[in-house]
Amino acid sequence: MKKIVNTLLPVSILFFAACGNSTEADHSHDGHNHDAAGHSHTAPADSTKQAATIQLKDDKLNAVYLQYDQLTKALINGQLAEAKIAGNAIETGAKEIPGASAIQASAGKITNATDLEAQRVAYSALSNELISLVKKSGLNSGQLYVDYCPMALNDKGGYWLSTVKEIRNPYFGDKMMSCGEVKDSIGQ
């Protein structure tokens, strides 16, 4: 037992030192730009208001998007239970949208997940499908940003939709809040 503790203690210290002590100033990520990301770690005061000003042309898809926005915020804040609630609402809403079976399946995985990492994997698939449907639907008002983090999902990368240009990363939350970049925009 003592041998295990003596072996694991230094390894865990190195792990936590490598993963947990970086600051925005001392880490670099090739492949994306932090210059325009704004390094604030607080929610934009008007992000909820901005989500409300988004209006997709498809009302049913709009309802799903509003829940997706709540899901994104829950993942940013590391809130497993809130992500499950939003996932359940997305799953229910997606049943009413033709061509949204993949969104429904991914939302079900988020609802049934027992940890944030599993939710984030399902969120990636959900985001990809939702981005495609939102682009097809179009917006009546507002603007959405398609954000991307190349480090998400063990460097496989992950996309998400946002109402603001400021990067708020749902794949890493507080660990690397501003990791990523805006790749595209939809609307206006």
N, C-alpha and C. Protein backbone atom coordinates (compact mmCIF):
# COMPACT_ATOMS: atom_id res chain seq x y z
N MET A 1 0.83 -1.19 0.00
CA MET A 1 0.00 0.00 0.00
C MET A 1 0.87 1.26 0.00
N LYS A 2 1.92 1.23 0.84
CA LYS A 2 2.81 2.38 0.93
C LYS A 2 3.52 2.61 -0.41
N LYS A 3 3.86 1.52 -1.10
CA LYS A 3 4.52 1.63 -2.39
C LYS A 3 3.59 2.30 -3.41
N ILE A 4 2.31 1.94 -3.38
CA ILE A 4 1.34 2.54 -4.30
C ILE A 4 1.20 4.03 -4.03
N VAL A 5 1.08 4.40 -2.76
CA VAL A 5 0.95 5.80 -2.39
C VAL A 5 2.19 6.58 -2.81
N ASN A 6 3.37 6.00 -2.56
CA ASN A 6 4.62 6.67 -2.93
C ASN A 6 4.77 6.82 -4.44
N THR A 7 4.18 5.92 -5.20
CA THR A 7 4.22 6.02 -6.65
C THR A 7 3.18 6.99 -7.18
N LEU A 8 1.96 6.88 -6.68
CA LEU A 8 0.87 7.70 -7.19
C LEU A 8 0.95 9.16 -6.77
N LEU A 9 1.48 9.43 -5.61
CA LEU A 9 1.54 10.80 -5.12
C LEU A 9 2.34 11.71 -6.05
N PRO A 10 3.57 11.35 -6.41
CA PRO A 10 4.31 12.23 -7.33
C PRO A 10 3.65 12.34 -8.71
N VAL A 11 3.08 11.24 -9.19
CA VAL A 11 2.43 11.26 -10.50
C VAL A 11 1.22 12.19 -10.46
N SER A 12 0.42 12.10 -9.41
CA SER A 12 -0.76 12.97 -9.32
C SER A 12 -0.36 14.43 -9.14
N ILE A 13 0.70 14.69 -8.41
CA ILE A 13 1.17 16.07 -8.24
C ILE A 13 1.60 16.63 -9.59
N LEU A 14 2.34 15.84 -10.37
CA LEU A 14 2.75 16.29 -11.70
C LEU A 14 1.55 16.52 -12.61
N PHE A 15 0.57 15.62 -12.52
CA PHE A 15 -0.63 15.76 -13.34
C PHE A 15 -1.36 17.05 -13.02
N PHE A 16 -1.60 17.29 -11.75
CA PHE A 16 -2.32 18.50 -11.37
C PHE A 16 -1.50 19.76 -11.65
N ALA A 17 -0.22 19.67 -11.50
CA ALA A 17 0.63 20.83 -11.79
C ALA A 17 0.58 21.14 -13.29
N ALA A 18 0.58 20.10 -14.11
CA ALA A 18 0.56 20.30 -15.56
C ALA A 18 -0.80 20.77 -16.05
N CYS A 19 -1.87 20.29 -15.44
CA CYS A 19 -3.21 20.59 -15.93
C CYS A 19 -3.87 21.77 -15.26
N GLY A 20 -3.54 22.02 -14.02
CA GLY A 20 -4.34 22.98 -13.28
C GLY A 20 -3.71 24.31 -12.98
N ASN A 21 -2.47 24.51 -13.25
CA ASN A 21 -1.84 25.75 -12.82
C ASN A 21 -1.53 26.71 -13.95
N SER A 22 -2.00 26.43 -15.15
CA SER A 22 -1.72 27.36 -16.24
C SER A 22 -2.63 28.57 -16.12
N THR A 23 -2.14 29.67 -16.64
CA THR A 23 -2.96 30.87 -16.69
C THR A 23 -3.15 31.24 -18.14
N GLU A 24 -4.08 32.15 -18.40
CA GLU A 24 -4.31 32.59 -19.77
C GLU A 24 -3.03 33.16 -20.38
N ALA A 25 -2.20 33.78 -19.56
CA ALA A 25 -1.01 34.43 -20.08
C ALA A 25 0.09 33.44 -20.45
N ASP A 26 0.12 32.28 -19.77
CA ASP A 26 1.26 31.41 -20.02
C ASP A 26 0.95 30.16 -20.83
N HIS A 27 -0.24 30.06 -21.43
CA HIS A 27 -0.43 28.92 -22.29
C HIS A 27 -0.69 29.35 -23.72
N SER A 28 -0.28 28.48 -24.63
CA SER A 28 -0.41 28.79 -26.04
C SER A 28 -1.08 27.62 -26.72
N HIS A 29 -1.91 27.90 -27.69
CA HIS A 29 -2.59 26.85 -28.43
C HIS A 29 -2.40 27.12 -29.90
N ASP A 30 -1.62 26.28 -30.56
CA ASP A 30 -1.44 26.44 -31.99
C ASP A 30 -2.75 26.15 -32.68
N GLY A 31 -3.02 26.86 -33.74
CA GLY A 31 -4.20 26.57 -34.52
C GLY A 31 -5.38 27.46 -34.23
N HIS A 32 -5.31 28.29 -33.22
CA HIS A 32 -6.39 29.24 -33.01
C HIS A 32 -5.90 30.47 -32.30
N ASN A 33 -6.71 31.50 -32.38
CA ASN A 33 -6.31 32.82 -31.96
C ASN A 33 -7.06 33.25 -30.72
N HIS A 34 -6.34 33.72 -29.72
CA HIS A 34 -6.96 34.24 -28.51
C HIS A 34 -7.07 35.76 -28.54
N ASP A 35 -6.54 36.42 -29.57
CA ASP A 35 -6.50 37.88 -29.59
C ASP A 35 -7.87 38.51 -29.46
N ALA A 36 -8.83 38.02 -30.22
CA ALA A 36 -10.15 38.64 -30.21
C ALA A 36 -11.09 37.95 -29.23
N ALA A 37 -10.60 36.96 -28.51
CA ALA A 37 -11.48 36.18 -27.66
C ALA A 37 -11.93 36.93 -26.43
N GLY A 38 -11.18 37.90 -25.98
CA GLY A 38 -11.54 38.58 -24.74
C GLY A 38 -11.35 37.60 -23.61
N HIS A 39 -10.48 37.87 -22.70
CA HIS A 39 -10.13 36.89 -21.70
C HIS A 39 -10.92 37.02 -20.42
N SER A 40 -12.12 37.48 -20.50
CA SER A 40 -12.98 37.58 -19.33
C SER A 40 -13.51 36.20 -18.96
N HIS A 41 -13.57 35.91 -17.70
CA HIS A 41 -14.10 34.64 -17.25
C HIS A 41 -15.47 34.81 -16.61
N THR A 42 -16.13 35.89 -16.88
CA THR A 42 -17.47 36.10 -16.38
C THR A 42 -18.41 36.15 -17.57
N ALA A 43 -19.66 35.78 -17.32
CA ALA A 43 -20.64 35.77 -18.39
C ALA A 43 -20.92 37.19 -18.85
N PRO A 44 -21.05 37.38 -20.14
CA PRO A 44 -21.44 38.70 -20.60
C PRO A 44 -22.80 39.03 -19.99
N ALA A 45 -22.96 40.25 -19.50
CA ALA A 45 -24.17 40.63 -18.80
C ALA A 45 -25.40 40.47 -19.67
N ASP A 46 -25.24 40.64 -20.97
CA ASP A 46 -26.42 40.60 -21.82
C ASP A 46 -26.51 39.33 -22.66
N SER A 47 -25.82 38.25 -22.30
CA SER A 47 -25.85 37.04 -23.12
C SER A 47 -27.24 36.41 -23.14
N THR A 48 -27.96 36.45 -22.03
CA THR A 48 -29.31 35.91 -21.99
C THR A 48 -30.23 36.76 -22.86
N LYS A 49 -30.08 38.07 -22.77
CA LYS A 49 -30.87 38.99 -23.59
C LYS A 49 -30.58 38.76 -25.07
N GLN A 50 -29.30 38.54 -25.41
CA GLN A 50 -28.94 38.31 -26.80
C GLN A 50 -29.53 37.01 -27.32
N ALA A 51 -29.57 35.98 -26.48
CA ALA A 51 -30.17 34.71 -26.89
C ALA A 51 -31.65 34.92 -27.20
N ALA A 52 -32.31 35.77 -26.43
CA ALA A 52 -33.73 36.04 -26.64
C ALA A 52 -33.98 36.81 -27.93
N THR A 53 -32.98 37.55 -28.43
CA THR A 53 -33.17 38.31 -29.66
C THR A 53 -32.94 37.47 -30.91
N ILE A 54 -32.45 36.27 -30.74
CA ILE A 54 -32.27 35.35 -31.86
C ILE A 54 -33.63 34.77 -32.21
N GLN A 55 -33.98 34.82 -33.48
CA GLN A 55 -35.24 34.22 -33.92
C GLN A 55 -34.97 33.45 -35.21
N LEU A 56 -35.01 32.13 -35.10
CA LEU A 56 -34.85 31.30 -36.29
C LEU A 56 -36.14 31.32 -37.09
N LYS A 57 -36.05 31.06 -38.38
CA LYS A 57 -37.23 31.05 -39.24
C LYS A 57 -38.17 29.90 -38.91
N ASP A 58 -37.63 28.80 -38.44
CA ASP A 58 -38.43 27.64 -38.03
C ASP A 58 -38.70 27.74 -36.53
N ASP A 59 -39.97 27.91 -36.16
CA ASP A 59 -40.32 28.11 -34.75
C ASP A 59 -39.96 26.92 -33.87
N LYS A 60 -40.15 25.71 -34.37
CA LYS A 60 -39.82 24.52 -33.58
C LYS A 60 -38.31 24.42 -33.37
N LEU A 61 -37.56 24.71 -34.40
CA LEU A 61 -36.10 24.71 -34.28
C LEU A 61 -35.65 25.84 -33.36
N ASN A 62 -36.34 26.96 -33.39
CA ASN A 62 -36.03 28.08 -32.50
C ASN A 62 -36.19 27.66 -31.04
N ALA A 63 -37.25 26.92 -30.74
CA ALA A 63 -37.46 26.45 -29.36
C ALA A 63 -36.33 25.52 -28.93
N VAL A 64 -35.88 24.66 -29.84
CA VAL A 64 -34.76 23.77 -29.53
C VAL A 64 -33.49 24.59 -29.33
N TYR A 65 -33.28 25.60 -30.19
CA TYR A 65 -32.09 26.43 -30.04
C TYR A 65 -32.06 27.12 -28.67
N LEU A 66 -33.18 27.63 -28.21
CA LEU A 66 -33.21 28.31 -26.90
C LEU A 66 -32.79 27.36 -25.78
N GLN A 67 -33.19 26.10 -25.87
CA GLN A 67 -32.75 25.10 -24.88
C GLN A 67 -31.27 24.77 -25.07
N TYR A 68 -30.82 24.76 -26.32
CA TYR A 68 -29.40 24.54 -26.61
C TYR A 68 -28.55 25.62 -25.96
N ASP A 69 -29.04 26.86 -26.01
CA ASP A 69 -28.32 27.96 -25.37
C ASP A 69 -28.20 27.71 -23.86
N GLN A 70 -29.26 27.19 -23.25
CA GLN A 70 -29.22 26.86 -21.82
C GLN A 70 -28.24 25.70 -21.57
N LEU A 71 -28.24 24.72 -22.46
CA LEU A 71 -27.31 23.60 -22.35
C LEU A 71 -25.87 24.10 -22.42
N THR A 72 -25.59 24.97 -23.37
CA THR A 72 -24.25 25.52 -23.53
C THR A 72 -23.80 26.22 -22.25
N LYS A 73 -24.66 27.04 -21.68
CA LYS A 73 -24.34 27.75 -20.44
C LYS A 73 -24.09 26.76 -19.30
N ALA A 74 -24.89 25.70 -19.23
CA ALA A 74 -24.69 24.69 -18.18
C ALA A 74 -23.33 24.02 -18.32
N LEU A 75 -22.93 23.69 -19.54
CA LEU A 75 -21.63 23.05 -19.75
C LEU A 75 -20.49 24.03 -19.47
N ILE A 76 -20.66 25.28 -19.84
CA ILE A 76 -19.64 26.29 -19.53
C ILE A 76 -19.42 26.37 -18.03
N ASN A 77 -20.51 26.31 -17.28
CA ASN A 77 -20.45 26.43 -15.82
C ASN A 77 -20.26 25.11 -15.10
N GLY A 78 -20.11 24.01 -15.84
CA GLY A 78 -19.88 22.70 -15.23
C GLY A 78 -21.07 22.19 -14.43
N GLN A 79 -22.28 22.46 -14.91
CA GLN A 79 -23.50 22.10 -14.18
C GLN A 79 -24.16 20.88 -14.82
N LEU A 80 -23.84 19.71 -14.31
CA LEU A 80 -24.33 18.44 -14.83
C LEU A 80 -25.85 18.38 -14.83
N ALA A 81 -26.49 18.69 -13.71
CA ALA A 81 -27.95 18.57 -13.59
C ALA A 81 -28.67 19.52 -14.55
N GLU A 82 -28.19 20.75 -14.65
CA GLU A 82 -28.82 21.72 -15.55
C GLU A 82 -28.65 21.29 -17.00
N ALA A 83 -27.50 20.70 -17.32
CA ALA A 83 -27.28 20.19 -18.68
C ALA A 83 -28.25 19.06 -18.98
N LYS A 84 -28.53 18.21 -18.00
CA LYS A 84 -29.50 17.12 -18.19
C LYS A 84 -30.89 17.67 -18.47
N ILE A 85 -31.28 18.70 -17.74
CA ILE A 85 -32.60 19.31 -17.93
C ILE A 85 -32.72 19.88 -19.34
N ALA A 86 -31.71 20.62 -19.76
CA ALA A 86 -31.72 21.19 -21.11
C ALA A 86 -31.68 20.09 -22.17
N GLY A 87 -30.89 19.05 -21.93
CA GLY A 87 -30.83 17.92 -22.85
C GLY A 87 -32.19 17.26 -23.03
N ASN A 88 -32.90 17.09 -21.92
CA ASN A 88 -34.23 16.50 -21.97
C ASN A 88 -35.19 17.37 -22.78
N ALA A 89 -35.13 18.68 -22.58
CA ALA A 89 -35.99 19.60 -23.33
C ALA A 89 -35.66 19.57 -24.82
N ILE A 90 -34.38 19.50 -25.15
CA ILE A 90 -33.96 19.42 -26.56
C ILE A 90 -34.46 18.12 -27.18
N GLU A 91 -34.31 17.02 -26.44
CA GLU A 91 -34.76 15.72 -26.93
C GLU A 91 -36.26 15.75 -27.25
N THR A 92 -37.03 16.33 -26.35
CA THR A 92 -38.48 16.43 -26.55
C THR A 92 -38.80 17.32 -27.75
N GLY A 93 -38.16 18.47 -27.83
CA GLY A 93 -38.42 19.39 -28.93
C GLY A 93 -37.98 18.85 -30.28
N ALA A 94 -36.89 18.11 -30.31
CA ALA A 94 -36.36 17.58 -31.57
C ALA A 94 -37.29 16.54 -32.19
N LYS A 95 -38.14 15.91 -31.37
CA LYS A 95 -39.10 14.93 -31.89
C LYS A 95 -40.05 15.58 -32.90
N GLU A 96 -40.26 16.87 -32.77
CA GLU A 96 -41.21 17.60 -33.62
C GLU A 96 -40.58 18.17 -34.89
N ILE A 97 -39.27 17.98 -35.05
CA ILE A 97 -38.56 18.59 -36.18
C ILE A 97 -38.12 17.52 -37.18
N PRO A 98 -38.61 17.60 -38.42
CA PRO A 98 -38.15 16.64 -39.43
C PRO A 98 -36.64 16.73 -39.62
N GLY A 99 -35.98 15.59 -39.68
CA GLY A 99 -34.54 15.56 -39.91
C GLY A 99 -33.70 15.82 -38.68
N ALA A 100 -34.32 15.79 -37.49
CA ALA A 100 -33.58 16.09 -36.26
C ALA A 100 -33.39 14.86 -35.38
N SER A 101 -33.44 13.67 -35.96
CA SER A 101 -33.29 12.46 -35.15
C SER A 101 -31.90 12.37 -34.51
N ALA A 102 -30.86 12.86 -35.19
CA ALA A 102 -29.51 12.84 -34.61
C ALA A 102 -29.43 13.80 -33.42
N ILE A 103 -30.10 14.94 -33.51
CA ILE A 103 -30.15 15.88 -32.39
C ILE A 103 -30.87 15.22 -31.22
N GLN A 104 -31.98 14.57 -31.51
CA GLN A 104 -32.74 13.88 -30.47
C GLN A 104 -31.89 12.81 -29.78
N ALA A 105 -31.16 12.02 -30.55
CA ALA A 105 -30.32 10.96 -29.98
C ALA A 105 -29.20 11.55 -29.12
N SER A 106 -28.54 12.59 -29.61
CA SER A 106 -27.46 13.21 -28.84
C SER A 106 -27.99 13.84 -27.56
N ALA A 107 -29.16 14.48 -27.65
CA ALA A 107 -29.76 15.08 -26.46
C ALA A 107 -30.11 14.01 -25.43
N GLY A 108 -30.56 12.86 -25.90
CA GLY A 108 -30.84 11.74 -24.99
C GLY A 108 -29.58 11.28 -24.27
N LYS A 109 -28.46 11.27 -24.97
CA LYS A 109 -27.19 10.89 -24.34
C LYS A 109 -26.79 11.91 -23.28
N ILE A 110 -27.05 13.18 -23.54
CA ILE A 110 -26.74 14.23 -22.55
C ILE A 110 -27.60 14.04 -21.32
N THR A 111 -28.88 13.75 -21.53
CA THR A 111 -29.82 13.55 -20.43
C THR A 111 -29.41 12.35 -19.57
N ASN A 112 -28.93 11.30 -20.20
CA ASN A 112 -28.59 10.07 -19.47
C ASN A 112 -27.15 10.01 -18.99
N ALA A 113 -26.33 10.96 -19.35
CA ALA A 113 -24.91 10.94 -18.97
C ALA A 113 -24.74 11.11 -17.46
N THR A 114 -23.70 10.49 -16.95
CA THR A 114 -23.43 10.57 -15.51
C THR A 114 -22.25 11.50 -15.20
N ASP A 115 -21.63 12.06 -16.24
CA ASP A 115 -20.54 13.01 -16.00
C ASP A 115 -20.49 14.04 -17.12
N LEU A 116 -19.82 15.14 -16.83
CA LEU A 116 -19.73 16.25 -17.79
C LEU A 116 -19.01 15.86 -19.08
N GLU A 117 -17.99 15.03 -18.97
CA GLU A 117 -17.23 14.67 -20.18
C GLU A 117 -18.10 13.92 -21.17
N ALA A 118 -18.93 13.00 -20.69
CA ALA A 118 -19.85 12.29 -21.58
C ALA A 118 -20.86 13.25 -22.18
N GLN A 119 -21.32 14.22 -21.39
CA GLN A 119 -22.23 15.23 -21.91
C GLN A 119 -21.56 16.04 -23.00
N ARG A 120 -20.32 16.38 -22.81
CA ARG A 120 -19.60 17.21 -23.79
C ARG A 120 -19.36 16.46 -25.10
N VAL A 121 -19.13 15.16 -25.03
CA VAL A 121 -18.97 14.36 -26.25
C VAL A 121 -20.28 14.38 -27.04
N ALA A 122 -21.39 14.14 -26.35
CA ALA A 122 -22.71 14.16 -27.01
C ALA A 122 -23.06 15.57 -27.50
N TYR A 123 -22.65 16.57 -26.75
CA TYR A 123 -22.89 17.97 -27.12
C TYR A 123 -22.21 18.30 -28.46
N SER A 124 -21.05 17.75 -28.70
CA SER A 124 -20.35 18.00 -29.95
C SER A 124 -21.16 17.50 -31.14
N ALA A 125 -21.66 16.27 -31.05
CA ALA A 125 -22.48 15.72 -32.13
C ALA A 125 -23.76 16.52 -32.29
N LEU A 126 -24.39 16.89 -31.18
CA LEU A 126 -25.60 17.70 -31.21
C LEU A 126 -25.32 19.05 -31.87
N SER A 127 -24.22 19.68 -31.49
CA SER A 127 -23.87 20.99 -32.05
C SER A 127 -23.68 20.92 -33.56
N ASN A 128 -22.97 19.89 -34.03
CA ASN A 128 -22.74 19.76 -35.47
C ASN A 128 -24.06 19.67 -36.23
N GLU A 129 -24.98 18.86 -35.72
CA GLU A 129 -26.28 18.71 -36.37
C GLU A 129 -27.10 19.99 -36.29
N LEU A 130 -27.09 20.64 -35.13
CA LEU A 130 -27.87 21.86 -34.95
C LEU A 130 -27.33 22.98 -35.85
N ILE A 131 -26.02 23.10 -35.95
CA ILE A 131 -25.43 24.12 -36.82
C ILE A 131 -25.92 23.93 -38.26
N SER A 132 -25.94 22.69 -38.71
CA SER A 132 -26.40 22.39 -40.06
C SER A 132 -27.87 22.79 -40.24
N LEU A 133 -28.72 22.43 -39.29
CA LEU A 133 -30.14 22.77 -39.40
C LEU A 133 -30.38 24.27 -39.31
N VAL A 134 -29.64 24.95 -38.43
CA VAL A 134 -29.80 26.40 -38.29
C VAL A 134 -29.38 27.10 -39.59
N LYS A 135 -28.31 26.64 -40.21
CA LYS A 135 -27.88 27.24 -41.48
C LYS A 135 -28.94 27.04 -42.56
N LYS A 136 -29.58 25.86 -42.58
CA LYS A 136 -30.64 25.60 -43.56
C LYS A 136 -31.87 26.44 -43.27
N SER A 137 -32.23 26.57 -42.00
CA SER A 137 -33.41 27.33 -41.59
C SER A 137 -33.24 28.82 -41.81
N GLY A 138 -32.10 29.33 -41.38
CA GLY A 138 -31.86 30.76 -41.42
C GLY A 138 -32.47 31.46 -40.22
N LEU A 139 -32.16 32.73 -40.08
CA LEU A 139 -32.64 33.53 -38.96
C LEU A 139 -33.52 34.66 -39.45
N ASN A 140 -34.57 34.95 -38.68
CA ASN A 140 -35.38 36.14 -38.93
C ASN A 140 -34.72 37.36 -38.32
N SER A 141 -34.07 37.15 -37.18
CA SER A 141 -33.39 38.26 -36.50
C SER A 141 -32.23 37.74 -35.67
N GLY A 142 -31.28 38.62 -35.42
CA GLY A 142 -30.13 38.28 -34.60
C GLY A 142 -29.00 37.68 -35.42
N GLN A 143 -27.94 37.33 -34.71
CA GLN A 143 -26.77 36.73 -35.34
C GLN A 143 -26.20 35.68 -34.41
N LEU A 144 -25.83 34.55 -34.98
CA LEU A 144 -25.18 33.47 -34.24
C LEU A 144 -23.76 33.31 -34.76
N TYR A 145 -22.88 32.91 -33.86
CA TYR A 145 -21.49 32.65 -34.21
C TYR A 145 -21.22 31.16 -34.09
N VAL A 146 -20.50 30.63 -35.06
CA VAL A 146 -20.06 29.24 -35.01
C VAL A 146 -18.64 29.27 -34.47
N ASP A 147 -18.49 28.78 -33.25
CA ASP A 147 -17.19 28.79 -32.57
C ASP A 147 -16.55 27.41 -32.66
N TYR A 148 -15.23 27.38 -32.53
CA TYR A 148 -14.48 26.13 -32.65
C TYR A 148 -13.31 26.12 -31.68
N CYS A 149 -13.13 24.99 -31.02
CA CYS A 149 -11.96 24.77 -30.17
C CYS A 149 -11.24 23.53 -30.68
N PRO A 150 -10.01 23.68 -31.18
CA PRO A 150 -9.28 22.53 -31.71
C PRO A 150 -8.82 21.55 -30.63
N MET A 151 -8.81 21.98 -29.38
CA MET A 151 -8.34 21.11 -28.30
C MET A 151 -9.46 20.27 -27.69
N ALA A 152 -10.71 20.57 -28.02
CA ALA A 152 -11.85 19.85 -27.45
C ALA A 152 -11.79 18.37 -27.82
N LEU A 153 -12.33 17.55 -26.95
CA LEU A 153 -12.47 16.12 -27.21
C LEU A 153 -11.12 15.48 -27.56
N ASN A 154 -10.15 15.71 -26.71
CA ASN A 154 -8.81 15.15 -26.89
C ASN A 154 -8.20 15.54 -28.24
N ASP A 155 -8.26 16.82 -28.53
CA ASP A 155 -7.68 17.41 -29.74
C ASP A 155 -8.36 17.00 -31.04
N LYS A 156 -9.57 16.45 -30.95
CA LYS A 156 -10.36 16.18 -32.16
C LYS A 156 -11.06 17.45 -32.62
N GLY A 157 -11.28 18.36 -31.69
CA GLY A 157 -11.94 19.62 -31.99
C GLY A 157 -13.43 19.54 -31.80
N GLY A 158 -14.02 20.69 -31.51
CA GLY A 158 -15.46 20.74 -31.33
C GLY A 158 -16.02 22.12 -31.64
N TYR A 159 -17.18 22.12 -32.28
CA TYR A 159 -17.89 23.35 -32.64
C TYR A 159 -19.03 23.59 -31.67
N TRP A 160 -19.50 24.85 -31.62
CA TRP A 160 -20.72 25.19 -30.90
C TRP A 160 -21.25 26.52 -31.42
N LEU A 161 -22.52 26.78 -31.12
CA LEU A 161 -23.15 28.05 -31.49
C LEU A 161 -23.14 28.99 -30.31
N SER A 162 -22.95 30.27 -30.60
CA SER A 162 -22.93 31.29 -29.55
C SER A 162 -23.62 32.56 -30.05
N THR A 163 -24.17 33.32 -29.12
CA THR A 163 -24.81 34.59 -29.46
C THR A 163 -23.85 35.76 -29.39
N VAL A 164 -22.64 35.52 -28.88
CA VAL A 164 -21.66 36.59 -28.70
C VAL A 164 -20.33 36.20 -29.35
N LYS A 165 -19.54 37.20 -29.74
CA LYS A 165 -18.23 36.93 -30.33
C LYS A 165 -17.23 36.42 -29.29
N GLU A 166 -17.42 36.82 -28.06
CA GLU A 166 -16.51 36.40 -26.99
C GLU A 166 -16.58 34.88 -26.84
N ILE A 167 -15.42 34.25 -26.81
CA ILE A 167 -15.35 32.80 -26.66
C ILE A 167 -15.61 32.42 -25.20
N ARG A 168 -16.60 31.55 -25.03
CA ARG A 168 -16.91 30.95 -23.72
C ARG A 168 -17.05 29.46 -24.00
N ASN A 169 -16.01 28.71 -23.71
CA ASN A 169 -15.84 27.35 -24.16
C ASN A 169 -16.63 26.34 -23.32
N PRO A 170 -17.64 25.68 -23.91
CA PRO A 170 -18.41 24.68 -23.18
C PRO A 170 -17.68 23.34 -23.03
N TYR A 171 -16.61 23.15 -23.78
CA TYR A 171 -15.86 21.90 -23.69
C TYR A 171 -14.88 21.89 -22.52
N PHE A 172 -14.44 23.06 -22.08
CA PHE A 172 -13.48 23.14 -20.99
C PHE A 172 -13.95 23.96 -19.80
N GLY A 173 -14.96 24.80 -19.99
CA GLY A 173 -15.43 25.64 -18.89
C GLY A 173 -14.31 26.48 -18.31
N ASP A 174 -14.21 26.51 -17.00
CA ASP A 174 -13.22 27.34 -16.32
C ASP A 174 -11.77 26.92 -16.60
N LYS A 175 -11.56 25.69 -17.03
CA LYS A 175 -10.18 25.24 -17.28
C LYS A 175 -9.52 26.05 -18.39
N MET A 176 -10.28 26.31 -19.45
CA MET A 176 -9.76 27.10 -20.58
C MET A 176 -10.94 27.83 -21.22
N MET A 177 -11.50 28.76 -20.49
CA MET A 177 -12.72 29.44 -20.89
C MET A 177 -12.64 30.10 -22.26
N SER A 178 -11.53 30.71 -22.59
CA SER A 178 -11.45 31.46 -23.84
C SER A 178 -10.71 30.73 -24.94
N CYS A 179 -10.52 29.43 -24.79
CA CYS A 179 -9.84 28.63 -25.80
C CYS A 179 -10.79 28.42 -26.99
N GLY A 180 -10.41 28.93 -28.13
CA GLY A 180 -11.21 28.74 -29.32
C GLY A 180 -11.25 29.99 -30.16
N GLU A 181 -12.01 29.94 -31.24
CA GLU A 181 -12.14 31.08 -32.14
C GLU A 181 -13.46 31.01 -32.88
N VAL A 182 -13.90 32.15 -33.35
CA VAL A 182 -15.10 32.23 -34.18
C VAL A 182 -14.71 31.79 -35.59
N LYS A 183 -15.42 30.80 -36.12
CA LYS A 183 -15.13 30.29 -37.46
C LYS A 183 -16.11 30.79 -38.51
N ASP A 184 -17.34 31.13 -38.08
CA ASP A 184 -18.37 31.51 -39.04
C ASP A 184 -19.45 32.29 -38.30
N SER A 185 -20.34 32.90 -39.05
CA SER A 185 -21.50 33.54 -38.44
C SER A 185 -22.72 33.23 -39.29
N ILE A 186 -23.88 33.25 -38.65
CA ILE A 186 -25.15 32.97 -39.32
C ILE A 186 -26.08 34.15 -39.02
N GLY A 187 -26.67 34.71 -40.05
CA GLY A 187 -27.59 35.83 -39.87
C GLY A 187 -26.93 37.15 -40.16
N GLN A 188 -27.72 38.19 -40.08
CA GLN A 188 -27.33 39.59 -40.34
C GLN A 188 -26.19 39.65 -41.31
